């Protein structure tokens, strides 16, 4: 199982394309962030994350 990240929204996934953005995902990512409650999370607001889930901090 290879975890990839969307190059636009940084959401982590196993698929080749992001289900949210419908663009290719990348194997080249670093940092791991879990957002549980994006409405009350200062970090989610800073990173413009509106959906709960697992995210990469940097994607290339």
PDB file of N, CA and C in Angstrom:
ATOM      1  N   UNK A   1       0.849  -1.184   0.000  1.00  0.00           N
ATOM      2  CA  UNK A   1       0.000   0.000   0.000  1.00  0.00           C
ATOM      3  C   UNK A   1       0.892   1.243   0.000  1.00  0.00           C
ATOM      4  N   UNK A   2       0.704   2.093  -1.001  1.00  0.00           N
ATOM      5  CA  UNK A   2       1.463   3.334  -1.119  1.00  0.00           C
ATOM      6  C   UNK A   2       0.516   4.495  -0.853  1.00  0.00           C
ATOM      7  N   UNK A   3       0.865   5.308   0.114  1.00  0.00           N
ATOM      8  CA  UNK A   3       0.055   6.484   0.427  1.00  0.00           C
ATOM      9  C   UNK A   3       0.536   7.641  -0.434  1.00  0.00           C
ATOM     10  N   UNK A   4      -0.415   8.334  -1.058  1.00  0.00           N
ATOM     11  CA  UNK A   4      -0.117   9.471  -1.911  1.00  0.00           C
ATOM     12  C   UNK A   4      -0.870  10.683  -1.390  1.00  0.00           C
ATOM     13  N   UNK A   5      -0.491  11.853  -1.870  1.00  0.00           N
ATOM     14  CA  UNK A   5      -1.140  13.093  -1.449  1.00  0.00           C
ATOM     15  C   UNK A   5      -1.562  13.899  -2.672  1.00  0.00           C
ATOM     16  N   UNK A   6      -2.701  14.522  -2.572  1.00  0.00           N
ATOM     17  CA  UNK A   6      -3.187  15.405  -3.632  1.00  0.00           C
ATOM     18  C   UNK A   6      -2.270  16.620  -3.716  1.00  0.00           C
ATOM     19  N   UNK A   7      -1.902  16.996  -4.920  1.00  0.00           N
ATOM     20  CA  UNK A   7      -1.005  18.135  -5.079  1.00  0.00           C
ATOM     21  C   UNK A   7      -1.709  19.480  -4.860  1.00  0.00           C
ATOM     22  N   UNK A   8      -3.024  19.485  -4.826  1.00  0.00           N
ATOM     23  CA  UNK A   8      -3.759  20.725  -4.593  1.00  0.00           C
ATOM     24  C   UNK A   8      -4.231  20.839  -3.134  1.00  0.00           C
ATOM     25  N   UNK A   9      -5.001  19.851  -2.650  1.00  0.00           N
ATOM     26  CA  UNK A   9      -5.590  19.970  -1.303  1.00  0.00           C
ATOM     27  C   UNK A   9      -4.773  19.260  -0.222  1.00  0.00           C
ATOM     28  N   UNK A  10      -3.754  18.475  -0.607  1.00  0.00           N
ATOM     29  CA  UNK A  10      -2.839  17.766   0.295  1.00  0.00           C
ATOM     30  C   UNK A  10      -3.479  16.610   1.047  1.00  0.00           C
ATOM     31  N   UNK A  11      -4.675  16.218   0.686  1.00  0.00           N
ATOM     32  CA  UNK A  11      -5.348  15.089   1.338  1.00  0.00           C
ATOM     33  C   UNK A  11      -4.619  13.790   1.002  1.00  0.00           C
ATOM     34  N   UNK A  12      -4.429  12.915   1.994  1.00  0.00           N
ATOM     35  CA  UNK A  12      -3.748  11.644   1.795  1.00  0.00           C
ATOM     36  C   UNK A  12      -4.725  10.576   1.333  1.00  0.00           C
ATOM     37  N   UNK A  13      -4.244   9.687   0.419  1.00  0.00           N
ATOM     38  CA  UNK A  13      -5.096   8.659  -0.170  1.00  0.00           C
ATOM     39  C   UNK A  13      -4.237   7.557  -0.761  1.00  0.00           C
ATOM     40  N   UNK A  14      -4.881   6.483  -1.191  1.00  0.00           N
ATOM     41  CA  UNK A  14      -4.197   5.400  -1.888  1.00  0.00           C
ATOM     42  C   UNK A  14      -4.431   5.487  -3.400  1.00  0.00           C
ATOM     43  N   UNK A  15      -5.411   6.228  -3.840  1.00  0.00           N
ATOM     44  CA  UNK A  15      -5.798   6.311  -5.239  1.00  0.00           C
ATOM     45  C   UNK A  15      -4.818   7.161  -6.048  1.00  0.00           C
ATOM     46  N   UNK A  16      -4.873   7.003  -7.359  1.00  0.00           N
ATOM     47  CA  UNK A  16      -4.027   7.765  -8.284  1.00  0.00           C
ATOM     48  C   UNK A  16      -4.526   9.203  -8.476  1.00  0.00           C
ATOM     49  N   UNK A  17      -5.839   9.421  -8.279  1.00  0.00           N
ATOM     50  CA  UNK A  17      -6.427  10.751  -8.431  1.00  0.00           C
ATOM     51  C   UNK A  17      -7.208  11.112  -7.174  1.00  0.00           C
ATOM     52  N   UNK A  18      -7.186  12.381  -6.820  1.00  0.00           N
ATOM     53  CA  UNK A  18      -7.909  12.869  -5.648  1.00  0.00           C
ATOM     54  C   UNK A  18      -9.415  12.830  -5.915  1.00  0.00           C
ATOM     55  N   UNK A  19     -10.168  12.274  -4.969  1.00  0.00           N
ATOM     56  CA  UNK A  19     -11.622  12.205  -5.096  1.00  0.00           C
ATOM     57  C   UNK A  19     -12.263  13.585  -4.964  1.00  0.00           C
ATOM     58  N   UNK A  20     -11.605  14.508  -4.295  1.00  0.00           N
ATOM     59  CA  UNK A  20     -12.144  15.854  -4.087  1.00  0.00           C
ATOM     60  C   UNK A  20     -11.806  16.771  -5.274  1.00  0.00           C
ATOM     61  N   UNK A  21     -10.526  16.822  -5.664  1.00  0.00           N
ATOM     62  CA  UNK A  21     -10.052  17.748  -6.703  1.00  0.00           C
ATOM     63  C   UNK A  21      -9.998  17.137  -8.097  1.00  0.00           C
ATOM     64  N   UNK A  22     -10.004  15.816  -8.181  1.00  0.00           N
ATOM     65  CA  UNK A  22      -9.910  15.081  -9.443  1.00  0.00           C
ATOM     66  C   UNK A  22      -8.637  15.418 -10.216  1.00  0.00           C
ATOM     67  N   UNK A  23      -7.514  15.550  -9.495  1.00  0.00           N
ATOM     68  CA  UNK A  23      -6.217  15.749 -10.129  1.00  0.00           C
ATOM     69  C   UNK A  23      -5.271  14.657  -9.638  1.00  0.00           C
ATOM     70  N   UNK A  24      -4.158  14.410 -10.341  1.00  0.00           N
ATOM     71  CA  UNK A  24      -3.240  13.334  -9.949  1.00  0.00           C
ATOM     72  C   UNK A  24      -2.643  13.553  -8.556  1.00  0.00           C
ATOM     73  N   UNK A  25      -2.381  12.437  -7.886  1.00  0.00           N
ATOM     74  CA  UNK A  25      -1.753  12.491  -6.574  1.00  0.00           C
ATOM     75  C   UNK A  25      -0.260  12.232  -6.713  1.00  0.00           C
ATOM     76  N   UNK A  26       0.501  12.555  -5.673  1.00  0.00           N
ATOM     77  CA  UNK A  26       1.952  12.435  -5.697  1.00  0.00           C
ATOM     78  C   UNK A  26       2.438  11.521  -4.579  1.00  0.00           C
ATOM     79  N   UNK A  27       3.482  10.755  -4.861  1.00  0.00           N
ATOM     80  CA  UNK A  27       4.128   9.929  -3.834  1.00  0.00           C
ATOM     81  C   UNK A  27       5.126  10.738  -3.025  1.00  0.00           C
ATOM     82  N   UNK A  28       5.459  11.931  -3.494  1.00  0.00           N
ATOM     83  CA  UNK A  28       6.483  12.761  -2.877  1.00  0.00           C
ATOM     84  C   UNK A  28       5.846  13.782  -1.928  1.00  0.00           C
ATOM     85  N   UNK A  29       5.668  13.382  -0.680  1.00  0.00           N
ATOM     86  CA  UNK A  29       5.064  14.254   0.322  1.00  0.00           C
ATOM     87  C   UNK A  29       5.773  14.065   1.653  1.00  0.00           C
ATOM     88  N   UNK A  30       5.590  15.018   2.560  1.00  0.00           N
ATOM     89  CA  UNK A  30       6.170  14.911   3.898  1.00  0.00           C
ATOM     90  C   UNK A  30       5.261  15.598   4.910  1.00  0.00           C
ATOM     91  N   UNK A  31       5.414  15.232   6.160  1.00  0.00           N
ATOM     92  CA  UNK A  31       4.591  15.780   7.227  1.00  0.00           C
ATOM     93  C   UNK A  31       3.227  15.125   7.253  1.00  0.00           C
ATOM     94  N   UNK A  32       2.684  14.935   8.436  1.00  0.00           N
ATOM     95  CA  UNK A  32       1.413  14.236   8.595  1.00  0.00           C
ATOM     96  C   UNK A  32       0.534  15.023   9.547  1.00  0.00           C
ATOM     97  N   UNK A  33      -0.682  15.301   9.123  1.00  0.00           N
ATOM     98  CA  UNK A  33      -1.608  16.106   9.908  1.00  0.00           C
ATOM     99  C   UNK A  33      -2.978  15.452   9.868  1.00  0.00           C
ATOM    100  N   UNK A  34      -3.601  15.287  11.027  1.00  0.00           N
ATOM    101  CA  UNK A  34      -4.964  14.762  11.102  1.00  0.00           C
ATOM    102  C   UNK A  34      -5.878  15.887  11.567  1.00  0.00           C
ATOM    103  N   UNK A  35      -6.890  16.170  10.771  1.00  0.00           N
ATOM    104  CA  UNK A  35      -7.886  17.192  11.113  1.00  0.00           C
ATOM    105  C   UNK A  35      -9.177  16.466  11.476  1.00  0.00           C
ATOM    106  N   UNK A  36      -9.633  16.655  12.701  1.00  0.00           N
ATOM    107  CA  UNK A  36     -10.853  16.014  13.180  1.00  0.00           C
ATOM    108  C   UNK A  36     -12.038  16.980  13.071  1.00  0.00           C
ATOM    109  N   UNK A  37     -11.828  18.215  13.486  1.00  0.00           N
ATOM    110  CA  UNK A  37     -12.899  19.210  13.496  1.00  0.00           C
ATOM    111  C   UNK A  37     -12.397  20.487  12.818  1.00  0.00           C
ATOM    112  N   UNK A  38     -12.491  20.568  11.492  1.00  0.00           N
ATOM    113  CA  UNK A  38     -11.914  21.708  10.774  1.00  0.00           C
ATOM    114  C   UNK A  38     -12.522  23.063  11.135  1.00  0.00           C
ATOM    115  N   UNK A  39     -13.776  23.083  11.555  1.00  0.00           N
ATOM    116  CA  UNK A  39     -14.418  24.359  11.893  1.00  0.00           C
ATOM    117  C   UNK A  39     -13.834  24.990  13.151  1.00  0.00           C
ATOM    118  N   UNK A  40     -13.320  24.175  14.072  1.00  0.00           N
ATOM    119  CA  UNK A  40     -12.770  24.692  15.323  1.00  0.00           C
ATOM    120  C   UNK A  40     -11.250  24.567  15.396  1.00  0.00           C
ATOM    121  N   UNK A  41     -10.622  24.265  14.281  1.00  0.00           N
ATOM    122  CA  UNK A  41      -9.170  24.082  14.248  1.00  0.00           C
ATOM    123  C   UNK A  41      -8.485  25.299  13.636  1.00  0.00           C
ATOM    124  N   UNK A  42      -7.598  25.928  14.391  1.00  0.00           N
ATOM    125  CA  UNK A  42      -6.841  27.065  13.871  1.00  0.00           C
ATOM    126  C   UNK A  42      -5.901  26.625  12.751  1.00  0.00           C
ATOM    127  N   UNK A  43      -5.326  25.442  12.882  1.00  0.00           N
ATOM    128  CA  UNK A  43      -4.419  24.927  11.850  1.00  0.00           C
ATOM    129  C   UNK A  43      -5.187  24.679  10.549  1.00  0.00           C
ATOM    130  N   UNK A  44      -6.375  24.089  10.641  1.00  0.00           N
ATOM    131  CA  UNK A  44      -7.192  23.848   9.450  1.00  0.00           C
ATOM    132  C   UNK A  44      -7.556  25.166   8.764  1.00  0.00           C
ATOM    133  N   UNK A  45      -7.881  26.174   9.539  1.00  0.00           N
ATOM    134  CA  UNK A  45      -8.211  27.480   8.958  1.00  0.00           C
ATOM    135  C   UNK A  45      -6.992  28.088   8.273  1.00  0.00           C
ATOM    136  N   UNK A  46      -5.827  27.970   8.893  1.00  0.00           N
ATOM    137  CA  UNK A  46      -4.590  28.505   8.323  1.00  0.00           C
ATOM    138  C   UNK A  46      -4.241  27.823   7.001  1.00  0.00           C
ATOM    139  N   UNK A  47      -4.513  26.520   6.900  1.00  0.00           N
ATOM    140  CA  UNK A  47      -4.194  25.743   5.705  1.00  0.00           C
ATOM    141  C   UNK A  47      -5.373  25.625   4.736  1.00  0.00           C
ATOM    142  N   UNK A  48      -6.477  26.300   5.021  1.00  0.00           N
ATOM    143  CA  UNK A  48      -7.684  26.275   4.176  1.00  0.00           C
ATOM    144  C   UNK A  48      -8.237  24.865   4.003  1.00  0.00           C
ATOM    145  N   UNK A  49      -8.286  24.106   5.088  1.00  0.00           N
ATOM    146  CA  UNK A  49      -8.837  22.752   5.082  1.00  0.00           C
ATOM    147  C   UNK A  49     -10.253  22.811   5.632  1.00  0.00           C
ATOM    148  N   UNK A  50     -11.214  22.309   4.855  1.00  0.00           N
ATOM    149  CA  UNK A  50     -12.606  22.384   5.291  1.00  0.00           C
ATOM    150  C   UNK A  50     -13.228  21.012   5.564  1.00  0.00           C
ATOM    151  N   UNK A  51     -12.505  19.929   5.247  1.00  0.00           N
ATOM    152  CA  UNK A  51     -13.019  18.579   5.465  1.00  0.00           C
ATOM    153  C   UNK A  51     -12.123  17.823   6.441  1.00  0.00           C
ATOM    154  N   UNK A  52     -12.707  17.041   7.355  1.00  0.00           N
ATOM    155  CA  UNK A  52     -11.874  16.234   8.247  1.00  0.00           C
ATOM    156  C   UNK A  52     -11.143  15.154   7.460  1.00  0.00           C
ATOM    157  N   UNK A  53      -9.972  14.770   7.947  1.00  0.00           N
ATOM    158  CA  UNK A  53      -9.212  13.720   7.277  1.00  0.00           C
ATOM    159  C   UNK A  53      -7.734  13.818   7.565  1.00  0.00           C
ATOM    160  N   UNK A  54      -6.948  13.041   6.806  1.00  0.00           N
ATOM    161  CA  UNK A  54      -5.498  13.010   6.947  1.00  0.00           C
ATOM    162  C   UNK A  54      -4.876  13.811   5.811  1.00  0.00           C
ATOM    163  N   UNK A  55      -3.903  14.657   6.140  1.00  0.00           N
ATOM    164  CA  UNK A  55      -3.293  15.556   5.170  1.00  0.00           C
ATOM    165  C   UNK A  55      -1.776  15.550   5.286  1.00  0.00           C
ATOM    166  N   UNK A  56      -1.123  15.859   4.175  1.00  0.00           N
ATOM    167  CA  UNK A  56       0.320  16.060   4.134  1.00  0.00           C
ATOM    168  C   UNK A  56       0.602  17.540   4.333  1.00  0.00           C
ATOM    169  N   UNK A  57       1.698  17.868   4.986  1.00  0.00           N
ATOM    170  CA  UNK A  57       2.056  19.268   5.157  1.00  0.00           C
ATOM    171  C   UNK A  57       2.744  19.827   3.914  1.00  0.00           C
ATOM    172  N   UNK A  58       3.523  18.989   3.226  1.00  0.00           N
ATOM    173  CA  UNK A  58       4.208  19.422   2.011  1.00  0.00           C
ATOM    174  C   UNK A  58       4.062  18.358   0.937  1.00  0.00           C
ATOM    175  N   UNK A  59       3.705  18.790  -0.272  1.00  0.00           N
ATOM    176  CA  UNK A  59       3.554  17.870  -1.412  1.00  0.00           C
ATOM    177  C   UNK A  59       4.323  18.460  -2.585  1.00  0.00           C
ATOM    178  N   UNK A  60       5.090  17.602  -3.251  1.00  0.00           N
ATOM    179  CA  UNK A  60       5.835  18.052  -4.435  1.00  0.00           C
ATOM    180  C   UNK A  60       5.373  17.313  -5.654  1.00  0.00           C
TER     181      UNK A  60
END
